[in-house]
Amino acid sequence: MPKTHPRMKLSPEEELFLCQWMFDEVHFEEGQGPAKRQQVAQGVRPAELSLLIAAALPNPAEQQAAVSGATRSPCPPWPWSVQSFHDRLGEAQAILASRQSRTRK
C-alpha cells in the first residue's frame, strides 16, 4: 500500500491563485487581499477553496511553504468558470474521500 495519498493536480493558474489566497488569509489583519476580494466577489465560501488546497497540498508544511516568501501583490485572475469550479470541487471531494477510506483500512 502506498505511503502517500493521492493528490489533486492544479493548473499553474489555480496554484498561483490559491497561493495568493492562502497568503491573504494568513495576513487578514493587514486588510482584505486581492485573492480574498475575488473569492468574495465570486460568492465562493472559504471552505470551498480550502477543499481544493487540502486535496492538492495535504501537508500543512507544504501549505506554509507555498505562502512563505510571498508578498501582497496584484492577484492573478480567477482561474475557474462557474462550472469548472464545481467540477474541481467534486474532484477534490473525491480525492479527500479516497484518502479517508484508505486511512480506515
PDB file of N, CA and C in Angstrom:
ATOM      1  N   MET A   1       0.851  -1.183   0.000  1.00  0.00           N
ATOM      2  CA  MET A   1       0.000   0.000   0.000  1.00  0.00           C
ATOM      3  C   MET A   1       0.892   1.241   0.000  1.00  0.00           C
ATOM      4  N   PRO A   2       0.619   2.206  -0.876  1.00  0.00           N
ATOM      5  CA  PRO A   2       1.472   3.393  -0.937  1.00  0.00           C
ATOM      6  C   PRO A   2       1.374   4.224   0.342  1.00  0.00           C
ATOM      7  N   LYS A   3       2.485   4.869   0.659  1.00  0.00           N
ATOM      8  CA  LYS A   3       2.505   5.704   1.859  1.00  0.00           C
ATOM      9  C   LYS A   3       2.024   7.124   1.593  1.00  0.00           C
ATOM     10  N   THR A   4       1.879   7.470   0.338  1.00  0.00           N
ATOM     11  CA  THR A   4       1.405   8.811   0.013  1.00  0.00           C
ATOM     12  C   THR A   4      -0.046   8.753  -0.441  1.00  0.00           C
ATOM     13  N   HIS A   5      -0.749   9.813  -0.184  1.00  0.00           N
ATOM     14  CA  HIS A   5      -2.143   9.912  -0.576  1.00  0.00           C
ATOM     15  C   HIS A   5      -2.246  10.495  -1.979  1.00  0.00           C
ATOM     16  N   PRO A   6      -3.310  10.150  -2.687  1.00  0.00           N
ATOM     17  CA  PRO A   6      -3.498  10.770  -4.000  1.00  0.00           C
ATOM     18  C   PRO A   6      -3.646  12.277  -3.838  1.00  0.00           C
ATOM     19  N   ARG A   7      -3.158  13.007  -4.830  1.00  0.00           N
ATOM     20  CA  ARG A   7      -3.212  14.462  -4.794  1.00  0.00           C
ATOM     21  C   ARG A   7      -3.936  14.990  -6.017  1.00  0.00           C
ATOM     22  N   MET A   8      -4.547  16.111  -5.822  1.00  0.00           N
ATOM     23  CA  MET A   8      -5.177  16.808  -6.932  1.00  0.00           C
ATOM     24  C   MET A   8      -4.101  17.607  -7.652  1.00  0.00           C
ATOM     25  N   LYS A   9      -4.067  17.493  -8.962  1.00  0.00           N
ATOM     26  CA  LYS A   9      -3.102  18.266  -9.745  1.00  0.00           C
ATOM     27  C   LYS A   9      -3.740  19.601 -10.099  1.00  0.00           C
ATOM     28  N   LEU A  10      -3.072  20.678  -9.719  1.00  0.00           N
ATOM     29  CA  LEU A  10      -3.551  22.023 -10.021  1.00  0.00           C
ATOM     30  C   LEU A  10      -2.895  22.545 -11.289  1.00  0.00           C
ATOM     31  N   SER A  11      -3.632  23.354 -12.024  1.00  0.00           N
ATOM     32  CA  SER A  11      -3.019  24.068 -13.138  1.00  0.00           C
ATOM     33  C   SER A  11      -2.130  25.164 -12.538  1.00  0.00           C
ATOM     34  N   PRO A  12      -1.173  25.677 -13.307  1.00  0.00           N
ATOM     35  CA  PRO A  12      -0.344  26.772 -12.785  1.00  0.00           C
ATOM     36  C   PRO A  12      -1.185  27.975 -12.346  1.00  0.00           C
ATOM     37  N   GLU A  13      -2.259  28.263 -13.079  1.00  0.00           N
ATOM     38  CA  GLU A  13      -3.132  29.401 -12.725  1.00  0.00           C
ATOM     39  C   GLU A  13      -3.862  29.144 -11.408  1.00  0.00           C
ATOM     40  N   GLU A  14      -4.329  27.907 -11.220  1.00  0.00           N
ATOM     41  CA  GLU A  14      -5.015  27.564  -9.964  1.00  0.00           C
ATOM     42  C   GLU A  14      -4.043  27.650  -8.792  1.00  0.00           C
ATOM     43  N   GLU A  15      -2.859  27.104  -8.975  1.00  0.00           N
ATOM     44  CA  GLU A  15      -1.868  27.127  -7.904  1.00  0.00           C
ATOM     45  C   GLU A  15      -1.481  28.557  -7.531  1.00  0.00           C
ATOM     46  N   LEU A  16      -1.258  29.389  -8.526  1.00  0.00           N
ATOM     47  CA  LEU A  16      -0.902  30.778  -8.283  1.00  0.00           C
ATOM     48  C   LEU A  16      -2.003  31.494  -7.510  1.00  0.00           C
ATOM     49  N   PHE A  17      -3.243  31.304  -7.940  1.00  0.00           N
ATOM     50  CA  PHE A  17      -4.358  31.950  -7.256  1.00  0.00           C
ATOM     51  C   PHE A  17      -4.485  31.437  -5.821  1.00  0.00           C
ATOM     52  N   LEU A  18      -4.444  30.123  -5.630  1.00  0.00           N
ATOM     53  CA  LEU A  18      -4.628  29.563  -4.288  1.00  0.00           C
ATOM     54  C   LEU A  18      -3.496  29.956  -3.347  1.00  0.00           C
ATOM     55  N   CYS A  19      -2.285  30.060  -3.866  1.00  0.00           N
ATOM     56  CA  CYS A  19      -1.175  30.537  -3.016  1.00  0.00           C
ATOM     57  C   CYS A  19      -1.413  31.977  -2.583  1.00  0.00           C
ATOM     58  N   GLN A  20      -1.878  32.811  -3.504  1.00  0.00           N
ATOM     59  CA  GLN A  20      -2.177  34.200  -3.153  1.00  0.00           C
ATOM     60  C   GLN A  20      -3.322  34.250  -2.144  1.00  0.00           C
ATOM     61  N   TRP A  21      -4.327  33.393  -2.331  1.00  0.00           N
ATOM     62  CA  TRP A  21      -5.465  33.361  -1.405  1.00  0.00           C
ATOM     63  C   TRP A  21      -5.010  32.938  -0.007  1.00  0.00           C
ATOM     64  N   MET A  22      -4.135  31.913   0.065  1.00  0.00           N
ATOM     65  CA  MET A  22      -3.617  31.498   1.375  1.00  0.00           C
ATOM     66  C   MET A  22      -2.832  32.634   2.017  1.00  0.00           C
ATOM     67  N   PHE A  23      -2.032  33.334   1.214  1.00  0.00           N
ATOM     68  CA  PHE A  23      -1.284  34.473   1.737  1.00  0.00           C
ATOM     69  C   PHE A  23      -2.247  35.517   2.304  1.00  0.00           C
ATOM     70  N   ASP A  24      -3.296  35.814   1.546  1.00  0.00           N
ATOM     71  CA  ASP A  24      -4.282  36.794   2.010  1.00  0.00           C
ATOM     72  C   ASP A  24      -4.931  36.353   3.322  1.00  0.00           C
ATOM     73  N   GLU A  25      -5.235  35.067   3.430  1.00  0.00           N
ATOM     74  CA  GLU A  25      -5.856  34.559   4.655  1.00  0.00           C
ATOM     75  C   GLU A  25      -4.912  34.667   5.848  1.00  0.00           C
ATOM     76  N   VAL A  26      -3.647  34.353   5.629  1.00  0.00           N
ATOM     77  CA  VAL A  26      -2.667  34.429   6.716  1.00  0.00           C
ATOM     78  C   VAL A  26      -2.460  35.881   7.160  1.00  0.00           C
ATOM     79  N   HIS A  27      -2.578  36.812   6.221  1.00  0.00           N
ATOM     80  CA  HIS A  27      -2.331  38.225   6.509  1.00  0.00           C
ATOM     81  C   HIS A  27      -3.628  39.039   6.573  1.00  0.00           C
ATOM     82  N   PHE A  28      -4.692  38.424   7.045  1.00  0.00           N
ATOM     83  CA  PHE A  28      -6.000  39.095   7.064  1.00  0.00           C
ATOM     84  C   PHE A  28      -6.011  40.355   7.903  1.00  0.00           C
ATOM     85  N   GLU A  29      -5.154  40.436   8.912  1.00  0.00           N
ATOM     86  CA  GLU A  29      -5.144  41.626   9.767  1.00  0.00           C
ATOM     87  C   GLU A  29      -4.629  42.856   9.029  1.00  0.00           C
ATOM     88  N   GLU A  30      -3.965  42.655   7.902  1.00  0.00           N
ATOM     89  CA  GLU A  30      -3.457  43.767   7.093  1.00  0.00           C
ATOM     90  C   GLU A  30      -4.519  44.279   6.116  1.00  0.00           C
ATOM     91  N   GLY A  31      -5.665  43.686   6.143  1.00  0.00           N
ATOM     92  CA  GLY A  31      -6.745  44.073   5.240  1.00  0.00           C
ATOM     93  C   GLY A  31      -7.024  42.982   4.230  1.00  0.00           C
ATOM     94  N   GLN A  32      -8.154  43.129   3.575  1.00  0.00           N
ATOM     95  CA  GLN A  32      -8.569  42.118   2.604  1.00  0.00           C
ATOM     96  C   GLN A  32      -7.660  42.159   1.375  1.00  0.00           C
ATOM     97  N   GLY A  33      -7.032  41.048   1.095  1.00  0.00           N
ATOM     98  CA  GLY A  33      -6.130  40.967  -0.046  1.00  0.00           C
ATOM     99  C   GLY A  33      -6.880  40.750  -1.350  1.00  0.00           C
ATOM    100  N   PRO A  34      -6.161  40.831  -2.470  1.00  0.00           N
ATOM    101  CA  PRO A  34      -6.809  40.751  -3.776  1.00  0.00           C
ATOM    102  C   PRO A  34      -7.468  39.398  -4.066  1.00  0.00           C
ATOM    103  N   ALA A  35      -6.854  38.308  -3.648  1.00  0.00           N
ATOM    104  CA  ALA A  35      -7.467  36.994  -3.890  1.00  0.00           C
ATOM    105  C   ALA A  35      -8.702  36.830  -3.007  1.00  0.00           C
ATOM    106  N   LYS A  36      -8.634  37.326  -1.800  1.00  0.00           N
ATOM    107  CA  LYS A  36      -9.796  37.264  -0.906  1.00  0.00           C
ATOM    108  C   LYS A  36     -10.950  38.076  -1.493  1.00  0.00           C
ATOM    109  N   ARG A  37     -10.649  39.242  -2.045  1.00  0.00           N
ATOM    110  CA  ARG A  37     -11.703  40.058  -2.667  1.00  0.00           C
ATOM    111  C   ARG A  37     -12.357  39.315  -3.830  1.00  0.00           C
ATOM    112  N   GLN A  38     -11.538  38.625  -4.626  1.00  0.00           N
ATOM    113  CA  GLN A  38     -12.097  37.859  -5.739  1.00  0.00           C
ATOM    114  C   GLN A  38     -12.966  36.710  -5.241  1.00  0.00           C
ATOM    115  N   GLN A  39     -12.518  36.040  -4.206  1.00  0.00           N
ATOM    116  CA  GLN A  39     -13.293  34.936  -3.628  1.00  0.00           C
ATOM    117  C   GLN A  39     -14.659  35.436  -3.189  1.00  0.00           C
ATOM    118  N   VAL A  40     -14.687  36.557  -2.507  1.00  0.00           N
ATOM    119  CA  VAL A  40     -15.949  37.143  -2.043  1.00  0.00           C
ATOM    120  C   VAL A  40     -16.810  37.563  -3.235  1.00  0.00           C
ATOM    121  N   ALA A  41     -16.203  38.199  -4.223  1.00  0.00           N
ATOM    122  CA  ALA A  41     -16.941  38.654  -5.405  1.00  0.00           C
ATOM    123  C   ALA A  41     -17.553  37.488  -6.175  1.00  0.00           C
ATOM    124  N   GLN A  42     -16.892  36.350  -6.164  1.00  0.00           N
ATOM    125  CA  GLN A  42     -17.400  35.166  -6.866  1.00  0.00           C
ATOM    126  C   GLN A  42     -18.483  34.441  -6.056  1.00  0.00           C
ATOM    127  N   GLY A  43     -18.653  34.833  -4.805  1.00  0.00           N
ATOM    128  CA  GLY A  43     -19.644  34.166  -3.955  1.00  0.00           C
ATOM    129  C   GLY A  43     -19.202  32.774  -3.523  1.00  0.00           C
ATOM    130  N   VAL A  44     -17.902  32.575  -3.453  1.00  0.00           N
ATOM    131  CA  VAL A  44     -17.352  31.274  -3.068  1.00  0.00           C
ATOM    132  C   VAL A  44     -16.991  31.320  -1.590  1.00  0.00           C
ATOM    133  N   ARG A  45     -17.352  30.260  -0.887  1.00  0.00           N
ATOM    134  CA  ARG A  45     -17.032  30.187   0.544  1.00  0.00           C
ATOM    135  C   ARG A  45     -15.562  29.803   0.738  1.00  0.00           C
ATOM    136  N   PRO A  46     -14.931  30.321   1.776  1.00  0.00           N
ATOM    137  CA  PRO A  46     -13.537  29.966   2.046  1.00  0.00           C
ATOM    138  C   PRO A  46     -13.345  28.447   2.171  1.00  0.00           C
ATOM    139  N   ALA A  47     -14.321  27.766   2.734  1.00  0.00           N
ATOM    140  CA  ALA A  47     -14.207  26.312   2.896  1.00  0.00           C
ATOM    141  C   ALA A  47     -14.085  25.605   1.554  1.00  0.00           C
ATOM    142  N   GLU A  48     -14.683  26.161   0.515  1.00  0.00           N
ATOM    143  CA  GLU A  48     -14.590  25.535  -0.801  1.00  0.00           C
ATOM    144  C   GLU A  48     -13.169  25.626  -1.351  1.00  0.00           C
ATOM    145  N   LEU A  49     -12.543  26.789  -1.196  1.00  0.00           N
ATOM    146  CA  LEU A  49     -11.149  26.909  -1.626  1.00  0.00           C
ATOM    147  C   LEU A  49     -10.242  26.038  -0.756  1.00  0.00           C
ATOM    148  N   SER A  50     -10.594  25.921   0.514  1.00  0.00           N
ATOM    149  CA  SER A  50      -9.814  25.081   1.421  1.00  0.00           C
ATOM    150  C   SER A  50      -9.857  23.613   1.007  1.00  0.00           C
ATOM    151  N   LEU A  51     -10.974  23.174   0.446  1.00  0.00           N
ATOM    152  CA  LEU A  51     -11.063  21.794  -0.060  1.00  0.00           C
ATOM    153  C   LEU A  51     -10.058  21.571  -1.189  1.00  0.00           C
ATOM    154  N   LEU A  52      -9.973  22.538  -2.092  1.00  0.00           N
ATOM    155  CA  LEU A  52      -9.009  22.421  -3.188  1.00  0.00           C
ATOM    156  C   LEU A  52      -7.581  22.351  -2.650  1.00  0.00           C
ATOM    157  N   ILE A  53      -7.296  23.194  -1.676  1.00  0.00           N
ATOM    158  CA  ILE A  53      -5.955  23.229  -1.081  1.00  0.00           C
ATOM    159  C   ILE A  53      -5.655  21.911  -0.375  1.00  0.00           C
ATOM    160  N   ALA A  54      -6.610  21.408   0.393  1.00  0.00           N
ATOM    161  CA  ALA A  54      -6.395  20.149   1.119  1.00  0.00           C
ATOM    162  C   ALA A  54      -6.166  18.983   0.160  1.00  0.00           C
ATOM    163  N   ALA A  55      -6.849  18.991  -0.976  1.00  0.00           N
ATOM    164  CA  ALA A  55      -6.687  17.912  -1.950  1.00  0.00           C
ATOM    165  C   ALA A  55      -5.356  18.021  -2.690  1.00  0.00           C
ATOM    166  N   ALA A  56      -4.883  19.235  -2.912  1.00  0.00           N
ATOM    167  CA  ALA A  56      -3.645  19.434  -3.676  1.00  0.00           C
ATOM    168  C   ALA A  56      -2.400  19.494  -2.793  1.00  0.00           C
ATOM    169  N   LEU A  57      -2.537  20.097  -1.631  1.00  0.00           N
ATOM    170  CA  LEU A  57      -1.402  20.274  -0.708  1.00  0.00           C
ATOM    171  C   LEU A  57      -1.799  19.771   0.674  1.00  0.00           C
ATOM    172  N   PRO A  58      -1.832  18.459   0.883  1.00  0.00           N
ATOM    173  CA  PRO A  58      -2.367  17.927   2.133  1.00  0.00           C
ATOM    174  C   PRO A  58      -1.496  18.184   3.361  1.00  0.00           C
ATOM    175  N   ASN A  59      -0.227  18.428   3.158  1.00  0.00           N
ATOM    176  CA  ASN A  59       0.681  18.620   4.283  1.00  0.00           C
ATOM    177  C   ASN A  59       0.711  20.095   4.690  1.00  0.00           C
ATOM    178  N   PRO A  60       0.425  20.402   5.962  1.00  0.00           N
ATOM    179  CA  PRO A  60       0.474  21.803   6.408  1.00  0.00           C
ATOM    180  C   PRO A  60       1.823  22.477   6.146  1.00  0.00           C
ATOM    181  N   ALA A  61       2.895  21.714   6.201  1.00  0.00           N
ATOM    182  CA  ALA A  61       4.214  22.302   5.909  1.00  0.00           C
ATOM    183  C   ALA A  61       4.297  22.740   4.451  1.00  0.00           C
ATOM    184  N   GLU A  62       3.674  21.984   3.560  1.00  0.00           N
ATOM    185  CA  GLU A  62       3.634  22.381   2.148  1.00  0.00           C
ATOM    186  C   GLU A  62       2.816  23.653   1.967  1.00  0.00           C
ATOM    187  N   GLN A  63       1.735  23.750   2.712  1.00  0.00           N
ATOM    188  CA  GLN A  63       0.901  24.945   2.635  1.00  0.00           C
ATOM    189  C   GLN A  63       1.678  26.155   3.129  1.00  0.00           C
ATOM    190  N   GLN A  64       2.400  25.979   4.219  1.00  0.00           N
ATOM    191  CA  GLN A  64       3.217  27.072   4.760  1.00  0.00           C
ATOM    192  C   GLN A  64       4.287  27.481   3.763  1.00  0.00           C
ATOM    193  N   ALA A  65       4.926  26.503   3.155  1.00  0.00           N
ATOM    194  CA  ALA A  65       5.973  26.802   2.168  1.00  0.00           C
ATOM    195  C   ALA A  65       5.396  27.533   0.955  1.00  0.00           C
ATOM    196  N   ALA A  66       4.154  27.214   0.618  1.00  0.00           N
ATOM    197  CA  ALA A  66       3.523  27.848  -0.544  1.00  0.00           C
ATOM    198  C   ALA A  66       3.307  29.340  -0.343  1.00  0.00           C
ATOM    199  N   VAL A  67       3.154  29.759   0.909  1.00  0.00           N
ATOM    200  CA  VAL A  67       2.910  31.188   1.159  1.00  0.00           C
ATOM    201  C   VAL A  67       4.122  31.909   1.725  1.00  0.00           C
ATOM    202  N   SER A  68       5.117  31.179   2.184  1.00  0.00           N
ATOM    203  CA  SER A  68       6.279  31.864   2.748  1.00  0.00           C
ATOM    204  C   SER A  68       7.048  32.553   1.633  1.00  0.00           C
ATOM    205  N   GLY A  69       7.478  33.716   1.913  1.00  0.00           N
ATOM    206  CA  GLY A  69       8.216  34.490   0.929  1.00  0.00           C
ATOM    207  C   GLY A  69       7.335  35.247  -0.045  1.00  0.00           C
ATOM    208  N   ALA A  70       6.049  34.927  -0.053  1.00  0.00           N
ATOM    209  CA  ALA A  70       5.127  35.663  -0.934  1.00  0.00           C
ATOM    210  C   ALA A  70       4.878  37.046  -0.345  1.00  0.00           C
ATOM    211  N   THR A  71       4.451  37.940  -1.166  1.00  0.00           N
ATOM    212  CA  THR A  71       4.122  39.290  -0.714  1.00  0.00           C
ATOM    213  C   THR A  71       2.753  39.662  -1.242  1.00  0.00           C
ATOM    214  N   ARG A  72       2.191  40.667  -0.654  1.00  0.00           N
ATOM    215  CA  ARG A  72       0.911  41.171  -1.159  1.00  0.00           C
ATOM    216  C   ARG A  72       1.183  41.711  -2.548  1.00  0.00           C
ATOM    217  N   SER A  73       0.529  41.151  -3.514  1.00  0.00           N
ATOM    218  CA  SER A  73       0.791  41.536  -4.895  1.00  0.00           C
ATOM    219  C   SER A  73      -0.515  41.543  -5.676  1.00  0.00           C
ATOM    220  N   PRO A  74      -0.477  42.096  -6.882  1.00  0.00           N
ATOM    221  CA  PRO A  74      -1.682  42.026  -7.704  1.00  0.00           C
ATOM    222  C   PRO A  74      -2.073  40.564  -7.865  1.00  0.00           C
ATOM    223  N   CYS A  75      -3.328  40.330  -7.791  1.00  0.00           N
ATOM    224  CA  CYS A  75      -3.804  38.956  -7.811  1.00  0.00           C
ATOM    225  C   CYS A  75      -3.938  38.433  -9.232  1.00  0.00           C
ATOM    226  N   PRO A  76      -3.597  37.175  -9.398  1.00  0.00           N
ATOM    227  CA  PRO A  76      -3.863  36.555 -10.691  1.00  0.00           C
ATOM    228  C   PRO A  76      -5.375  36.480 -10.906  1.00  0.00           C
ATOM    229  N   PRO A  77      -5.808  36.365 -12.139  1.00  0.00           N
ATOM    230  CA  PRO A  77      -7.245  36.289 -12.394  1.00  0.00           C
ATOM    231  C   PRO A  77      -7.872  35.033 -11.787  1.00  0.00           C
ATOM    232  N   TRP A  78      -9.159  35.118 -11.531  1.00  0.00           N
ATOM    233  CA  TRP A  78      -9.922  33.967 -11.042  1.00  0.00           C
ATOM    234  C   TRP A  78      -9.803  32.870 -12.107  1.00  0.00           C
ATOM    235  N   PRO A  79      -9.276  31.690 -11.751  1.00  0.00           N
ATOM    236  CA  PRO A  79      -8.954  30.704 -12.779  1.00  0.00           C
ATOM    237  C   PRO A  79     -10.073  29.741 -13.186  1.00  0.00           C
ATOM    238  N   TRP A  80     -11.285  29.946 -12.679  1.00  0.00           N
ATOM    239  CA  TRP A  80     -12.358  28.994 -12.941  1.00  0.00           C
ATOM    240  C   TRP A  80     -13.598  29.668 -13.502  1.00  0.00           C
ATOM    241  N   SER A  81     -14.295  28.944 -14.362  1.00  0.00           N
ATOM    242  CA  SER A  81     -15.660  29.325 -14.700  1.00  0.00           C
ATOM    243  C   SER A  81     -16.540  28.740 -13.596  1.00  0.00           C
ATOM    244  N   VAL A  82     -17.793  29.097 -13.577  1.00  0.00           N
ATOM    245  CA  VAL A  82     -18.698  28.547 -12.552  1.00  0.00           C
ATOM    246  C   VAL A  82     -18.694  27.021 -12.627  1.00  0.00           C
ATOM    247  N   GLN A  83     -18.849  26.487 -13.834  1.00  0.00           N
ATOM    248  CA  GLN A  83     -18.910  25.027 -13.982  1.00  0.00           C
ATOM    249  C   GLN A  83     -17.583  24.362 -13.651  1.00  0.00           C
ATOM    250  N   SER A  84     -16.483  24.934 -14.130  1.00  0.00           N
ATOM    251  CA  SER A  84     -15.193  24.288 -13.867  1.00  0.00           C
ATOM    252  C   SER A  84     -14.871  24.309 -12.374  1.00  0.00           C
ATOM    253  N   PHE A  85     -15.312  25.356 -11.665  1.00  0.00           N
ATOM    254  CA  PHE A  85     -15.076  25.398 -10.222  1.00  0.00           C
ATOM    255  C   PHE A  85     -15.835  24.265  -9.534  1.00  0.00           C
ATOM    256  N   HIS A  86     -17.083  24.071  -9.915  1.00  0.00           N
ATOM    257  CA  HIS A  86     -17.875  22.986  -9.307  1.00  0.00           C
ATOM    258  C   HIS A  86     -17.300  21.622  -9.681  1.00  0.00           C
ATOM    259  N   ASP A  87     -16.793  21.481 -10.886  1.00  0.00           N
ATOM    260  CA  ASP A  87     -16.146  20.232 -11.288  1.00  0.00           C
ATOM    261  C   ASP A  87     -14.905  19.970 -10.441  1.00  0.00           C
ATOM    262  N   ARG A  88     -14.117  21.020 -10.230  1.00  0.00           N
ATOM    263  CA  ARG A  88     -12.890  20.868  -9.430  1.00  0.00           C
ATOM    264  C   ARG A  88     -13.217  20.562  -7.970  1.00  0.00           C
ATOM    265  N   LEU A  89     -14.296  21.163  -7.454  1.00  0.00           N
ATOM    266  CA  LEU A  89     -14.713  20.839  -6.087  1.00  0.00           C
ATOM    267  C   LEU A  89     -15.072  19.368  -5.978  1.00  0.00           C
ATOM    268  N   GLY A  90     -15.805  18.863  -6.963  1.00  0.00           N
ATOM    269  CA  GLY A  90     -16.161  17.444  -6.961  1.00  0.00           C
ATOM    270  C   GLY A  90     -14.936  16.555  -6.997  1.00  0.00           C
ATOM    271  N   GLU A  91     -13.964  16.934  -7.806  1.00  0.00           N
ATOM    272  CA  GLU A  91     -12.712  16.186  -7.887  1.00  0.00           C
ATOM    273  C   GLU A  91     -11.988  16.195  -6.542  1.00  0.00           C
ATOM    274  N   ALA A  92     -11.932  17.358  -5.904  1.00  0.00           N
ATOM    275  CA  ALA A  92     -11.266  17.473  -4.598  1.00  0.00           C
ATOM    276  C   ALA A  92     -11.986  16.622  -3.551  1.00  0.00           C
ATOM    277  N   GLN A  93     -13.302  16.660  -3.549  1.00  0.00           N
ATOM    278  CA  GLN A  93     -14.063  15.862  -2.582  1.00  0.00           C
ATOM    279  C   GLN A  93     -13.822  14.374  -2.783  1.00  0.00           C
ATOM    280  N   ALA A  94     -13.744  13.934  -4.039  1.00  0.00           N
ATOM    281  CA  ALA A  94     -13.481  12.522  -4.318  1.00  0.00           C
ATOM    282  C   ALA A  94     -12.088  12.116  -3.829  1.00  0.00           C
ATOM    283  N   ILE A  95     -11.103  12.977  -4.043  1.00  0.00           N
ATOM    284  CA  ILE A  95      -9.738  12.685  -3.594  1.00  0.00           C
ATOM    285  C   ILE A  95      -9.696  12.609  -2.073  1.00  0.00           C
ATOM    286  N   LEU A  96     -10.328  13.552  -1.419  1.00  0.00           N
ATOM    287  CA  LEU A  96     -10.326  13.550   0.049  1.00  0.00           C
ATOM    288  C   LEU A  96     -11.076  12.347   0.603  1.00  0.00           C
ATOM    289  N   ALA A  97     -12.158  11.953  -0.050  1.00  0.00           N
ATOM    290  CA  ALA A  97     -12.909  10.767   0.384  1.00  0.00           C
ATOM    291  C   ALA A  97     -12.069   9.504   0.213  1.00  0.00           C
ATOM    292  N   SER A  98     -11.314   9.431  -0.888  1.00  0.00           N
ATOM    293  CA  SER A  98     -10.473   8.244  -1.097  1.00  0.00           C
ATOM    294  C   SER A  98      -9.366   8.179  -0.047  1.00  0.00           C
ATOM    295  N   ARG A  99      -8.849   9.322   0.346  1.00  0.00           N
ATOM    296  CA  ARG A  99      -7.833   9.343   1.411  1.00  0.00           C
ATOM    297  C   ARG A  99      -8.429   8.836   2.707  1.00  0.00           C
ATOM    298  N   GLN A 100      -9.633   9.285   2.994  1.00  0.00           N
ATOM    299  CA  GLN A 100     -10.284   8.884   4.235  1.00  0.00           C
ATOM    300  C   GLN A 100     -10.544   7.381   4.250  1.00  0.00           C
ATOM    301  N   SER A 101     -10.986   6.828   3.124  1.00  0.00           N
ATOM    302  CA  SER A 101     -11.237   5.385   3.096  1.00  0.00           C
ATOM    303  C   SER A 101      -9.948   4.596   3.196  1.00  0.00           C
ATOM    304  N   ARG A 102      -8.842   5.121   2.662  1.00  0.00           N
ATOM    305  CA  ARG A 102      -7.549   4.431   2.779  1.00  0.00           C
ATOM    306  C   ARG A 102      -7.041   4.418   4.204  1.00  0.00           C
ATOM    307  N   THR A 103      -7.288   5.495   4.946  1.00  0.00           N
ATOM    308  CA  THR A 103      -6.787   5.551   6.321  1.00  0.00           C
ATOM    309  C   THR A 103      -7.611   4.662   7.246  1.00  0.00           C
ATOM    310  N   ARG A 104      -8.824   4.331   6.864  1.00  0.00           N
ATOM    311  CA  ARG A 104      -9.663   3.442   7.685  1.00  0.00           C
ATOM    312  C   ARG A 104      -9.254   1.987   7.557  1.00  0.00           C
ATOM    313  N   LYS A 105      -8.578   1.647   6.491  1.00  0.00           N
ATOM    314  CA  LYS A 105      -8.218   0.228   6.244  1.00  0.00           C
ATOM    315  C   LYS A 105      -7.055  -0.197   7.093  1.00  0.00           C
TER     316      LYS A 105
END
